[in-house]
Amino acid sequence: MNSIMQAAMAGLGRLEEANALIRLRDRLGSLGVNAELRDNNSALMAHRPGPGLPVWVFVGYGGAYYSWQQAERRHLVDDVEGAARVLAEYVAK
């Protein structure tokens, strides 16, 4: 694959990851969790309801998983509903 094709594929991967984070942000919002996209849509910051540090969420593992808590916690990107529920419970702790 030439360098132009590699750059195009890398850009497509970043767009898919950003779209996954947008879907998760929207679902978290419907569950009452305040979350915002950061760093050119490459990260999601979910705020805790009370005092405490926010939770940073990324798409990793080749675009297959949402991950947080230094990648110790993760959930399949294909299951936005489930990921939002798990993350909402985690943020509420």
C-alpha atoms as a PDB file:
ATOM      1  CA  MET A   1       0.000   0.000   0.000  1.00  0.00           C
ATOM      2  CA  ASN A   2       1.426   3.368  -0.937  1.00  0.00           C
ATOM      3  CA  SER A   3       1.722   6.294   1.482  1.00  0.00           C
ATOM      4  CA  ILE A   4      -1.368   8.063   0.132  1.00  0.00           C
ATOM      5  CA  MET A   5      -3.505   4.973   0.697  1.00  0.00           C
ATOM      6  CA  GLN A   6      -2.055   4.542   4.190  1.00  0.00           C
ATOM      7  CA  ALA A   7      -2.894   8.135   5.083  1.00  0.00           C
ATOM      8  CA  ALA A   8      -6.447   7.738   3.750  1.00  0.00           C
ATOM      9  CA  MET A   9      -6.975   4.531   5.744  1.00  0.00           C
ATOM     10  CA  ALA A  10      -5.622   6.168   8.924  1.00  0.00           C
ATOM     11  CA  GLY A  11      -8.008   9.090   8.449  1.00  0.00           C
ATOM     12  CA  LEU A  12     -10.947   6.740   7.960  1.00  0.00           C
ATOM     13  CA  GLY A  13     -10.054   4.907  11.170  1.00  0.00           C
ATOM     14  CA  ARG A  14      -9.970   8.147  13.140  1.00  0.00           C
ATOM     15  CA  LEU A  15     -13.334   9.180  11.694  1.00  0.00           C
ATOM     16  CA  GLU A  16     -14.907   5.857  12.709  1.00  0.00           C
ATOM     17  CA  GLU A  17     -13.478   6.220  16.235  1.00  0.00           C
ATOM     18  CA  ALA A  18     -14.807   9.784  16.485  1.00  0.00           C
ATOM     19  CA  ASN A  19     -18.246   8.640  15.332  1.00  0.00           C
ATOM     20  CA  ALA A  20     -18.219   5.863  17.950  1.00  0.00           C
ATOM     21  CA  LEU A  21     -17.439   8.429  20.671  1.00  0.00           C
ATOM     22  CA  ILE A  22     -20.203  10.716  19.387  1.00  0.00           C
ATOM     23  CA  ARG A  23     -22.711   7.853  19.599  1.00  0.00           C
ATOM     24  CA  LEU A  24     -21.573   7.067  23.155  1.00  0.00           C
ATOM     25  CA  ARG A  25     -21.777  10.736  24.187  1.00  0.00           C
ATOM     26  CA  ASP A  26     -25.318  10.984  22.858  1.00  0.00           C
ATOM     27  CA  ARG A  27     -26.409   7.811  24.660  1.00  0.00           C
ATOM     28  CA  LEU A  28     -24.769   8.925  27.918  1.00  0.00           C
ATOM     29  CA  GLY A  29     -26.634  12.228  27.632  1.00  0.00           C
ATOM     30  CA  SER A  30     -29.945  10.390  27.421  1.00  0.00           C
ATOM     31  CA  LEU A  31     -28.956   8.585  30.650  1.00  0.00           C
ATOM     32  CA  GLY A  32     -28.253  11.898  32.371  1.00  0.00           C
ATOM     33  CA  VAL A  33     -24.448  11.726  32.219  1.00  0.00           C
ATOM     34  CA  ASN A  34     -22.707  14.934  31.209  1.00  0.00           C
ATOM     35  CA  ALA A  35     -20.043  13.991  28.641  1.00  0.00           C
ATOM     36  CA  GLU A  36     -18.157  16.054  26.093  1.00  0.00           C
ATOM     37  CA  LEU A  37     -15.870  15.321  23.192  1.00  0.00           C
ATOM     38  CA  ARG A  38     -12.289  16.495  23.547  1.00  0.00           C
ATOM     39  CA  ASP A  39      -9.038  16.582  21.589  1.00  0.00           C
ATOM     40  CA  ASN A  40     -10.464  16.713  18.045  1.00  0.00           C
ATOM     41  CA  ASN A  41     -13.072  14.050  18.880  1.00  0.00           C
ATOM     42  CA  SER A  42     -10.383  11.536  19.874  1.00  0.00           C
ATOM     43  CA  ALA A  43     -11.515  11.337  23.515  1.00  0.00           C
ATOM     44  CA  LEU A  44     -14.689  11.615  25.550  1.00  0.00           C
ATOM     45  CA  MET A  45     -14.699  13.166  29.011  1.00  0.00           C
ATOM     46  CA  ALA A  46     -17.550  11.942  31.223  1.00  0.00           C
ATOM     47  CA  HIS A  47     -18.170  14.080  34.295  1.00  0.00           C
ATOM     48  CA  ARG A  48     -19.057  12.580  37.646  1.00  0.00           C
ATOM     49  CA  PRO A  49     -22.305  13.818  39.229  1.00  0.00           C
ATOM     50  CA  GLY A  50     -20.474  14.939  42.395  1.00  0.00           C
ATOM     51  CA  PRO A  51     -16.920  15.795  43.292  1.00  0.00           C
ATOM     52  CA  GLY A  52     -14.259  13.753  41.589  1.00  0.00           C
ATOM     53  CA  LEU A  53     -12.164  13.562  38.500  1.00  0.00           C
ATOM     54  CA  PRO A  54     -13.881  12.988  35.167  1.00  0.00           C
ATOM     55  CA  VAL A  55     -13.531   9.682  33.362  1.00  0.00           C
ATOM     56  CA  TRP A  56     -11.692   9.761  30.047  1.00  0.00           C
ATOM     57  CA  VAL A  57     -12.953   7.343  27.392  1.00  0.00           C
ATOM     58  CA  PHE A  58     -11.094   6.373  24.238  1.00  0.00           C
ATOM     59  CA  VAL A  59     -11.670   3.976  21.369  1.00  0.00           C
ATOM     60  CA  GLY A  60      -8.885   1.434  21.282  1.00  0.00           C
ATOM     61  CA  TYR A  61      -7.938  -2.100  20.404  1.00  0.00           C
ATOM     62  CA  GLY A  62      -8.152  -1.432  16.685  1.00  0.00           C
ATOM     63  CA  GLY A  63     -11.449   0.420  17.016  1.00  0.00           C
ATOM     64  CA  ALA A  64     -13.201  -2.524  18.665  1.00  0.00           C
ATOM     65  CA  TYR A  65     -13.576  -1.264  22.248  1.00  0.00           C
ATOM     66  CA  TYR A  66     -14.385   1.799  24.288  1.00  0.00           C
ATOM     67  CA  SER A  67     -11.822   1.878  27.066  1.00  0.00           C
ATOM     68  CA  TRP A  68     -11.403   3.834  30.289  1.00  0.00           C
ATOM     69  CA  GLN A  69      -9.547   3.637  33.608  1.00  0.00           C
ATOM     70  CA  GLN A  70      -6.209   3.244  31.828  1.00  0.00           C
ATOM     71  CA  ALA A  71      -7.756   0.545  29.597  1.00  0.00           C
ATOM     72  CA  GLU A  72      -8.547  -1.645  32.615  1.00  0.00           C
ATOM     73  CA  ARG A  73     -12.247  -1.232  31.782  1.00  0.00           C
ATOM     74  CA  ARG A  74     -13.598  -1.687  28.284  1.00  0.00           C
ATOM     75  CA  HIS A  75     -16.766  -2.463  26.343  1.00  0.00           C
ATOM     76  CA  LEU A  76     -17.459  -3.352  22.712  1.00  0.00           C
ATOM     77  CA  VAL A  77     -18.008  -0.383  20.403  1.00  0.00           C
ATOM     78  CA  ASP A  78     -20.758  -2.362  18.659  1.00  0.00           C
ATOM     79  CA  ASP A  79     -22.834  -2.266  21.880  1.00  0.00           C
ATOM     80  CA  VAL A  80     -23.331   1.458  22.498  1.00  0.00           C
ATOM     81  CA  GLU A  81     -26.346   0.886  24.770  1.00  0.00           C
ATOM     82  CA  GLY A  82     -24.457  -1.548  26.979  1.00  0.00           C
ATOM     83  CA  ALA A  83     -21.323   0.586  27.030  1.00  0.00           C
ATOM     84  CA  ALA A  84     -23.325   3.647  28.091  1.00  0.00           C
ATOM     85  CA  ARG A  85     -25.037   1.741  30.915  1.00  0.00           C
ATOM     86  CA  VAL A  86     -21.758   0.312  32.231  1.00  0.00           C
ATOM     87  CA  LEU A  87     -19.999   3.653  31.960  1.00  0.00           C
ATOM     88  CA  ALA A  88     -22.903   5.525  33.621  1.00  0.00           C
ATOM     89  CA  GLU A  89     -22.708   3.117  36.577  1.00  0.00           C
ATOM     90  CA  TYR A  90     -18.933   3.552  36.749  1.00  0.00           C
ATOM     91  CA  VAL A  91     -19.123   7.354  36.649  1.00  0.00           C
ATOM     92  CA  ALA A  92     -21.773   7.367  39.402  1.00  0.00           C
ATOM     93  CA  LYS A  93     -19.429   5.618  41.894  1.00  0.00           C
END
